[in-house]
Amino acid sequence: MTATASGRITRDDIEAKFRELQGEIEEVQEEAVNAAIVVGAAVVVVVVVVAFWLGRRRGRKTRTVVEIRRV
């Protein structure tokens, strides 16, 4: 932190440090949002695949067999 010659911390020093911290926080936030989007997309894909797989399995179990015979 830069202090004046008298060793006192001024309002400008505090504001500069807050701006610096805010910039770092925004960078971390952007990275977290990007990671959350990727994870969310992966979860959606997994849910769709599992739903498809379970539906297909159930369809095989309860599929009706129709037998046609000539008399």
PDB file of N, CA and C in Angstrom:
ATOM      1  N   MET A   1       0.851  -1.161   0.000  1.00  0.00           N
ATOM      2  CA  MET A   1       0.000   0.000   0.000  1.00  0.00           C
ATOM      3  C   MET A   1       0.901   1.229   0.000  1.00  0.00           C
ATOM      4  N   THR A   2       0.561   2.200  -0.769  1.00  0.00           N
ATOM      5  CA  THR A   2       1.375   3.414  -0.797  1.00  0.00           C
ATOM      6  C   THR A   2       0.834   4.391   0.237  1.00  0.00           C
ATOM      7  N   ALA A   3       1.700   4.846   1.065  1.00  0.00           N
ATOM      8  CA  ALA A   3       1.312   5.824   2.079  1.00  0.00           C
ATOM      9  C   ALA A   3       2.038   7.132   1.772  1.00  0.00           C
ATOM     10  N   THR A   4       1.498   8.182   2.258  1.00  0.00           N
ATOM     11  CA  THR A   4       2.137   9.483   2.066  1.00  0.00           C
ATOM     12  C   THR A   4       3.405   9.574   2.900  1.00  0.00           C
ATOM     13  N   ALA A   5       4.144  10.676   2.753  1.00  0.00           N
ATOM     14  CA  ALA A   5       5.407  10.854   3.480  1.00  0.00           C
ATOM     15  C   ALA A   5       5.197  10.860   4.990  1.00  0.00           C
ATOM     16  N   SER A   6       4.023  11.271   5.452  1.00  0.00           N
ATOM     17  CA  SER A   6       3.778  11.309   6.886  1.00  0.00           C
ATOM     18  C   SER A   6       3.391   9.939   7.446  1.00  0.00           C
ATOM     19  N   GLY A   7       3.254   8.932   6.585  1.00  0.00           N
ATOM     20  CA  GLY A   7       2.922   7.596   7.053  1.00  0.00           C
ATOM     21  C   GLY A   7       1.437   7.364   7.214  1.00  0.00           C
ATOM     22  N   ARG A   8       0.629   8.327   6.861  1.00  0.00           N
ATOM     23  CA  ARG A   8      -0.825   8.177   6.992  1.00  0.00           C
ATOM     24  C   ARG A   8      -1.400   7.562   5.723  1.00  0.00           C
ATOM     25  N   ILE A   9      -2.430   6.820   5.883  1.00  0.00           N
ATOM     26  CA  ILE A   9      -3.130   6.211   4.753  1.00  0.00           C
ATOM     27  C   ILE A   9      -4.267   7.140   4.365  1.00  0.00           C
ATOM     28  N   THR A  10      -4.292   7.510   3.121  1.00  0.00           N
ATOM     29  CA  THR A  10      -5.305   8.453   2.654  1.00  0.00           C
ATOM     30  C   THR A  10      -6.485   7.716   2.060  1.00  0.00           C
ATOM     31  N   ARG A  11      -7.525   8.474   1.805  1.00  0.00           N
ATOM     32  CA  ARG A  11      -8.723   7.922   1.184  1.00  0.00           C
ATOM     33  C   ARG A  11      -8.403   7.381  -0.209  1.00  0.00           C
ATOM     34  N   ASP A  12      -7.525   8.063  -0.926  1.00  0.00           N
ATOM     35  CA  ASP A  12      -7.128   7.608  -2.264  1.00  0.00           C
ATOM     36  C   ASP A  12      -6.434   6.248  -2.199  1.00  0.00           C
ATOM     37  N   ASP A  13      -5.618   6.040  -1.180  1.00  0.00           N
ATOM     38  CA  ASP A  13      -4.947   4.747  -1.010  1.00  0.00           C
ATOM     39  C   ASP A  13      -5.969   3.627  -0.809  1.00  0.00           C
ATOM     40  N   ILE A  14      -6.952   3.882   0.015  1.00  0.00           N
ATOM     41  CA  ILE A  14      -7.985   2.878   0.292  1.00  0.00           C
ATOM     42  C   ILE A  14      -8.811   2.598  -0.960  1.00  0.00           C
ATOM     43  N   GLU A  15      -9.193   3.640  -1.664  1.00  0.00           N
ATOM     44  CA  GLU A  15      -9.980   3.452  -2.889  1.00  0.00           C
ATOM     45  C   GLU A  15      -9.188   2.675  -3.939  1.00  0.00           C
ATOM     46  N   ALA A  16      -7.893   2.968  -4.066  1.00  0.00           N
ATOM     47  CA  ALA A  16      -7.059   2.252  -5.037  1.00  0.00           C
ATOM     48  C   ALA A  16      -6.992   0.763  -4.686  1.00  0.00           C
ATOM     49  N   LYS A  17      -6.853   0.455  -3.416  1.00  0.00           N
ATOM     50  CA  LYS A  17      -6.784  -0.950  -2.991  1.00  0.00           C
ATOM     51  C   LYS A  17      -8.119  -1.658  -3.232  1.00  0.00           C
ATOM     52  N   PHE A  18      -9.233  -0.974  -2.948  1.00  0.00           N
ATOM     53  CA  PHE A  18     -10.549  -1.565  -3.203  1.00  0.00           C
ATOM     54  C   PHE A  18     -10.744  -1.846  -4.691  1.00  0.00           C
ATOM     55  N   ARG A  19     -10.314  -0.923  -5.547  1.00  0.00           N
ATOM     56  CA  ARG A  19     -10.433  -1.140  -7.000  1.00  0.00           C
ATOM     57  C   ARG A  19      -9.590  -2.334  -7.434  1.00  0.00           C
ATOM     58  N   GLU A  20      -8.407  -2.459  -6.865  1.00  0.00           N
ATOM     59  CA  GLU A  20      -7.535  -3.590  -7.183  1.00  0.00           C
ATOM     60  C   GLU A  20      -8.195  -4.910  -6.780  1.00  0.00           C
ATOM     61  N   LEU A  21      -8.736  -4.948  -5.580  1.00  0.00           N
ATOM     62  CA  LEU A  21      -9.408  -6.157  -5.106  1.00  0.00           C
ATOM     63  C   LEU A  21     -10.638  -6.472  -5.935  1.00  0.00           C
ATOM     64  N   GLN A  22     -11.371  -5.440  -6.309  1.00  0.00           N
ATOM     65  CA  GLN A  22     -12.577  -5.637  -7.100  1.00  0.00           C
ATOM     66  C   GLN A  22     -12.231  -6.233  -8.461  1.00  0.00           C
ATOM     67  N   GLY A  23     -11.145  -5.791  -9.054  1.00  0.00           N
ATOM     68  CA  GLY A  23     -10.702  -6.350 -10.327  1.00  0.00           C
ATOM     69  C   GLY A  23     -10.376  -7.824 -10.206  1.00  0.00           C
ATOM     70  N   GLU A  24      -9.704  -8.202  -9.128  1.00  0.00           N
ATOM     71  CA  GLU A  24      -9.377  -9.602  -8.900  1.00  0.00           C
ATOM     72  C   GLU A  24     -10.645 -10.430  -8.685  1.00  0.00           C
ATOM     73  N   ILE A  25     -11.582  -9.878  -7.950  1.00  0.00           N
ATOM     74  CA  ILE A  25     -12.836 -10.587  -7.685  1.00  0.00           C
ATOM     75  C   ILE A  25     -13.610 -10.809  -8.978  1.00  0.00           C
ATOM     76  N   GLU A  26     -13.623  -9.821  -9.856  1.00  0.00           N
ATOM     77  CA  GLU A  26     -14.339  -9.959 -11.123  1.00  0.00           C
ATOM     78  C   GLU A  26     -13.717 -11.048 -11.990  1.00  0.00           C
ATOM     79  N   GLU A  27     -12.383 -11.151 -11.977  1.00  0.00           N
ATOM     80  CA  GLU A  27     -11.722 -12.205 -12.738  1.00  0.00           C
ATOM     81  C   GLU A  27     -12.107 -13.580 -12.205  1.00  0.00           C
ATOM     82  N   VAL A  28     -12.087 -13.735 -10.909  1.00  0.00           N
ATOM     83  CA  VAL A  28     -12.438 -15.021 -10.295  1.00  0.00           C
ATOM     84  C   VAL A  28     -13.906 -15.342 -10.573  1.00  0.00           C
ATOM     85  N   GLN A  29     -14.759 -14.330 -10.537  1.00  0.00           N
ATOM     86  CA  GLN A  29     -16.182 -14.520 -10.786  1.00  0.00           C
ATOM     87  C   GLN A  29     -16.408 -15.003 -12.218  1.00  0.00           C
ATOM     88  N   GLU A  30     -15.718 -14.410 -13.183  1.00  0.00           N
ATOM     89  CA  GLU A  30     -15.866 -14.836 -14.573  1.00  0.00           C
ATOM     90  C   GLU A  30     -15.451 -16.288 -14.749  1.00  0.00           C
ATOM     91  N   GLU A  31     -14.351 -16.678 -14.112  1.00  0.00           N
ATOM     92  CA  GLU A  31     -13.898 -18.063 -14.193  1.00  0.00           C
ATOM     93  C   GLU A  31     -14.919 -19.004 -13.560  1.00  0.00           C
ATOM     94  N   ALA A  32     -15.486 -18.607 -12.439  1.00  0.00           N
ATOM     95  CA  ALA A  32     -16.471 -19.452 -11.756  1.00  0.00           C
ATOM     96  C   ALA A  32     -17.737 -19.582 -12.585  1.00  0.00           C
ATOM     97  N   VAL A  33     -18.168 -18.506 -13.218  1.00  0.00           N
ATOM     98  CA  VAL A  33     -19.370 -18.553 -14.045  1.00  0.00           C
ATOM     99  C   VAL A  33     -19.140 -19.470 -15.238  1.00  0.00           C
ATOM    100  N   ASN A  34     -17.972 -19.359 -15.868  1.00  0.00           N
ATOM    101  CA  ASN A  34     -17.671 -20.232 -17.000  1.00  0.00           C
ATOM    102  C   ASN A  34     -17.651 -21.699 -16.576  1.00  0.00           C
ATOM    103  N   ALA A  35     -17.064 -21.981 -15.438  1.00  0.00           N
ATOM    104  CA  ALA A  35     -17.026 -23.355 -14.937  1.00  0.00           C
ATOM    105  C   ALA A  35     -18.433 -23.848 -14.619  1.00  0.00           C
ATOM    106  N   ALA A  36     -19.261 -22.999 -14.046  1.00  0.00           N
ATOM    107  CA  ALA A  36     -20.638 -23.386 -13.718  1.00  0.00           C
ATOM    108  C   ALA A  36     -21.433 -23.681 -14.987  1.00  0.00           C
ATOM    109  N   ILE A  37     -21.221 -22.926 -16.033  1.00  0.00           N
ATOM    110  CA  ILE A  37     -21.925 -23.173 -17.296  1.00  0.00           C
ATOM    111  C   ILE A  37     -21.518 -24.516 -17.873  1.00  0.00           C
ATOM    112  N   VAL A  38     -20.226 -24.828 -17.838  1.00  0.00           N
ATOM    113  CA  VAL A  38     -19.748 -26.103 -18.362  1.00  0.00           C
ATOM    114  C   VAL A  38     -20.325 -27.269 -17.540  1.00  0.00           C
ATOM    115  N   VAL A  39     -20.297 -27.142 -16.234  1.00  0.00           N
ATOM    116  CA  VAL A  39     -20.831 -28.198 -15.366  1.00  0.00           C
ATOM    117  C   VAL A  39     -22.334 -28.353 -15.578  1.00  0.00           C
ATOM    118  N   GLY A  40     -23.051 -27.242 -15.696  1.00  0.00           N
ATOM    119  CA  GLY A  40     -24.492 -27.302 -15.933  1.00  0.00           C
ATOM    120  C   GLY A  40     -24.823 -27.977 -17.248  1.00  0.00           C
ATOM    121  N   ALA A  41     -24.078 -27.666 -18.291  1.00  0.00           N
ATOM    122  CA  ALA A  41     -24.307 -28.301 -19.593  1.00  0.00           C
ATOM    123  C   ALA A  41     -24.033 -29.799 -19.509  1.00  0.00           C
ATOM    124  N   ALA A  42     -22.972 -30.182 -18.803  1.00  0.00           N
ATOM    125  CA  ALA A  42     -22.658 -31.604 -18.653  1.00  0.00           C
ATOM    126  C   ALA A  42     -23.761 -32.329 -17.890  1.00  0.00           C
ATOM    127  N   VAL A  43     -24.299 -31.716 -16.860  1.00  0.00           N
ATOM    128  CA  VAL A  43     -25.383 -32.332 -16.090  1.00  0.00           C
ATOM    129  C   VAL A  43     -26.616 -32.515 -16.967  1.00  0.00           C
ATOM    130  N   VAL A  44     -26.940 -31.520 -17.772  1.00  0.00           N
ATOM    131  CA  VAL A  44     -28.105 -31.620 -18.658  1.00  0.00           C
ATOM    132  C   VAL A  44     -27.917 -32.765 -19.642  1.00  0.00           C
ATOM    133  N   VAL A  45     -26.732 -32.885 -20.219  1.00  0.00           N
ATOM    134  CA  VAL A  45     -26.469 -33.968 -21.171  1.00  0.00           C
ATOM    135  C   VAL A  45     -26.605 -35.324 -20.488  1.00  0.00           C
ATOM    136  N   VAL A  46     -26.066 -35.456 -19.292  1.00  0.00           N
ATOM    137  CA  VAL A  46     -26.158 -36.730 -18.565  1.00  0.00           C
ATOM    138  C   VAL A  46     -27.607 -37.063 -18.252  1.00  0.00           C
ATOM    139  N   VAL A  47     -28.389 -36.089 -17.829  1.00  0.00           N
ATOM    140  CA  VAL A  47     -29.804 -36.335 -17.512  1.00  0.00           C
ATOM    141  C   VAL A  47     -30.564 -36.779 -18.759  1.00  0.00           C
ATOM    142  N   VAL A  48     -30.316 -36.136 -19.886  1.00  0.00           N
ATOM    143  CA  VAL A  48     -31.001 -36.514 -21.126  1.00  0.00           C
ATOM    144  C   VAL A  48     -30.612 -37.920 -21.549  1.00  0.00           C
ATOM    145  N   VAL A  49     -29.330 -38.256 -21.462  1.00  0.00           N
ATOM    146  CA  VAL A  49     -28.881 -39.598 -21.847  1.00  0.00           C
ATOM    147  C   VAL A  49     -29.483 -40.659 -20.925  1.00  0.00           C
ATOM    148  N   VAL A  50     -29.493 -40.398 -19.630  1.00  0.00           N
ATOM    149  CA  VAL A  50     -30.067 -41.369 -18.684  1.00  0.00           C
ATOM    150  C   VAL A  50     -31.568 -41.523 -18.919  1.00  0.00           C
ATOM    151  N   ALA A  51     -32.273 -40.426 -19.155  1.00  0.00           N
ATOM    152  CA  ALA A  51     -33.713 -40.518 -19.425  1.00  0.00           C
ATOM    153  C   ALA A  51     -33.969 -41.312 -20.700  1.00  0.00           C
ATOM    154  N   PHE A  52     -33.175 -41.086 -21.718  1.00  0.00           N
ATOM    155  CA  PHE A  52     -33.322 -41.838 -22.968  1.00  0.00           C
ATOM    156  C   PHE A  52     -33.067 -43.322 -22.731  1.00  0.00           C
ATOM    157  N   TRP A  53     -31.994 -43.623 -21.987  1.00  0.00           N
ATOM    158  CA  TRP A  53     -31.638 -45.011 -21.734  1.00  0.00           C
ATOM    159  C   TRP A  53     -32.723 -45.723 -20.919  1.00  0.00           C
ATOM    160  N   LEU A  54     -33.241 -45.056 -19.881  1.00  0.00           N
ATOM    161  CA  LEU A  54     -34.283 -45.677 -19.065  1.00  0.00           C
ATOM    162  C   LEU A  54     -35.581 -45.844 -19.858  1.00  0.00           C
ATOM    163  N   GLY A  55     -35.921 -44.880 -20.669  1.00  0.00           N
ATOM    164  CA  GLY A  55     -37.120 -44.989 -21.488  1.00  0.00           C
ATOM    165  C   GLY A  55     -37.010 -46.096 -22.511  1.00  0.00           C
ATOM    166  N   ARG A  56     -35.849 -46.244 -23.093  1.00  0.00           N
ATOM    167  CA  ARG A  56     -35.647 -47.307 -24.076  1.00  0.00           C
ATOM    168  C   ARG A  56     -35.708 -48.680 -23.404  1.00  0.00           C
ATOM    169  N   ARG A  57     -35.132 -48.763 -22.220  1.00  0.00           N
ATOM    170  CA  ARG A  57     -35.163 -50.029 -21.477  1.00  0.00           C
ATOM    171  C   ARG A  57     -36.594 -50.406 -21.106  1.00  0.00           C
ATOM    172  N   ARG A  58     -37.339 -49.424 -20.642  1.00  0.00           N
ATOM    173  CA  ARG A  58     -38.724 -49.703 -20.268  1.00  0.00           C
ATOM    174  C   ARG A  58     -39.543 -50.091 -21.496  1.00  0.00           C
ATOM    175  N   GLY A  59     -39.260 -49.460 -22.610  1.00  0.00           N
ATOM    176  CA  GLY A  59     -39.958 -49.794 -23.851  1.00  0.00           C
ATOM    177  C   GLY A  59     -39.714 -51.232 -24.273  1.00  0.00           C
ATOM    178  N   ARG A  60     -38.517 -51.723 -24.039  1.00  0.00           N
ATOM    179  CA  ARG A  60     -38.210 -53.119 -24.375  1.00  0.00           C
ATOM    180  C   ARG A  60     -38.942 -54.071 -23.438  1.00  0.00           C
ATOM    181  N   LYS A  61     -39.069 -53.690 -22.177  1.00  0.00           N
ATOM    182  CA  LYS A  61     -39.710 -54.567 -21.198  1.00  0.00           C
ATOM    183  C   LYS A  61     -41.218 -54.663 -21.427  1.00  0.00           C
ATOM    184  N   THR A  62     -41.856 -53.567 -21.826  1.00  0.00           N
ATOM    185  CA  THR A  62     -43.320 -53.561 -21.926  1.00  0.00           C
ATOM    186  C   THR A  62     -43.808 -53.536 -23.369  1.00  0.00           C
ATOM    187  N   ARG A  63     -42.932 -53.865 -24.303  1.00  0.00           N
ATOM    188  CA  ARG A  63     -43.319 -53.838 -25.704  1.00  0.00           C
ATOM    189  C   ARG A  63     -44.340 -54.942 -25.974  1.00  0.00           C
ATOM    190  N   THR A  64     -45.384 -54.604 -26.678  1.00  0.00           N
ATOM    191  CA  THR A  64     -46.428 -55.561 -27.010  1.00  0.00           C
ATOM    192  C   THR A  64     -46.042 -56.327 -28.264  1.00  0.00           C
ATOM    193  N   VAL A  65     -46.251 -57.629 -28.205  1.00  0.00           N
ATOM    194  CA  VAL A  65     -45.974 -58.471 -29.363  1.00  0.00           C
ATOM    195  C   VAL A  65     -47.314 -58.837 -29.977  1.00  0.00           C
ATOM    196  N   VAL A  66     -47.500 -58.498 -31.222  1.00  0.00           N
ATOM    197  CA  VAL A  66     -48.746 -58.794 -31.923  1.00  0.00           C
ATOM    198  C   VAL A  66     -48.464 -59.947 -32.875  1.00  0.00           C
ATOM    199  N   GLU A  67     -49.307 -60.990 -32.756  1.00  0.00           N
ATOM    200  CA  GLU A  67     -49.121 -62.168 -33.589  1.00  0.00           C
ATOM    201  C   GLU A  67     -50.300 -62.261 -34.542  1.00  0.00           C
ATOM    202  N   ILE A  68     -50.015 -62.354 -35.797  1.00  0.00           N
ATOM    203  CA  ILE A  68     -51.083 -62.450 -36.803  1.00  0.00           C
ATOM    204  C   ILE A  68     -51.049 -63.857 -37.384  1.00  0.00           C
ATOM    205  N   ARG A  69     -52.219 -64.523 -37.351  1.00  0.00           N
ATOM    206  CA  ARG A  69     -52.324 -65.883 -37.891  1.00  0.00           C
ATOM    207  C   ARG A  69     -53.411 -65.918 -38.955  1.00  0.00           C
ATOM    208  N   ARG A  70     -53.164 -66.691 -39.939  1.00  0.00           N
ATOM    209  CA  ARG A  70     -54.197 -66.914 -40.959  1.00  0.00           C
ATOM    210  C   ARG A  70     -54.998 -68.144 -40.558  1.00  0.00           C
ATOM    211  N   VAL A  71     -56.253 -68.055 -40.806  1.00  0.00           N
ATOM    212  CA  VAL A  71     -57.128 -69.162 -40.426  1.00  0.00           C
ATOM    213  C   VAL A  71     -57.531 -69.974 -41.626  1.00  0.00           C
TER     214      VAL A  71
END
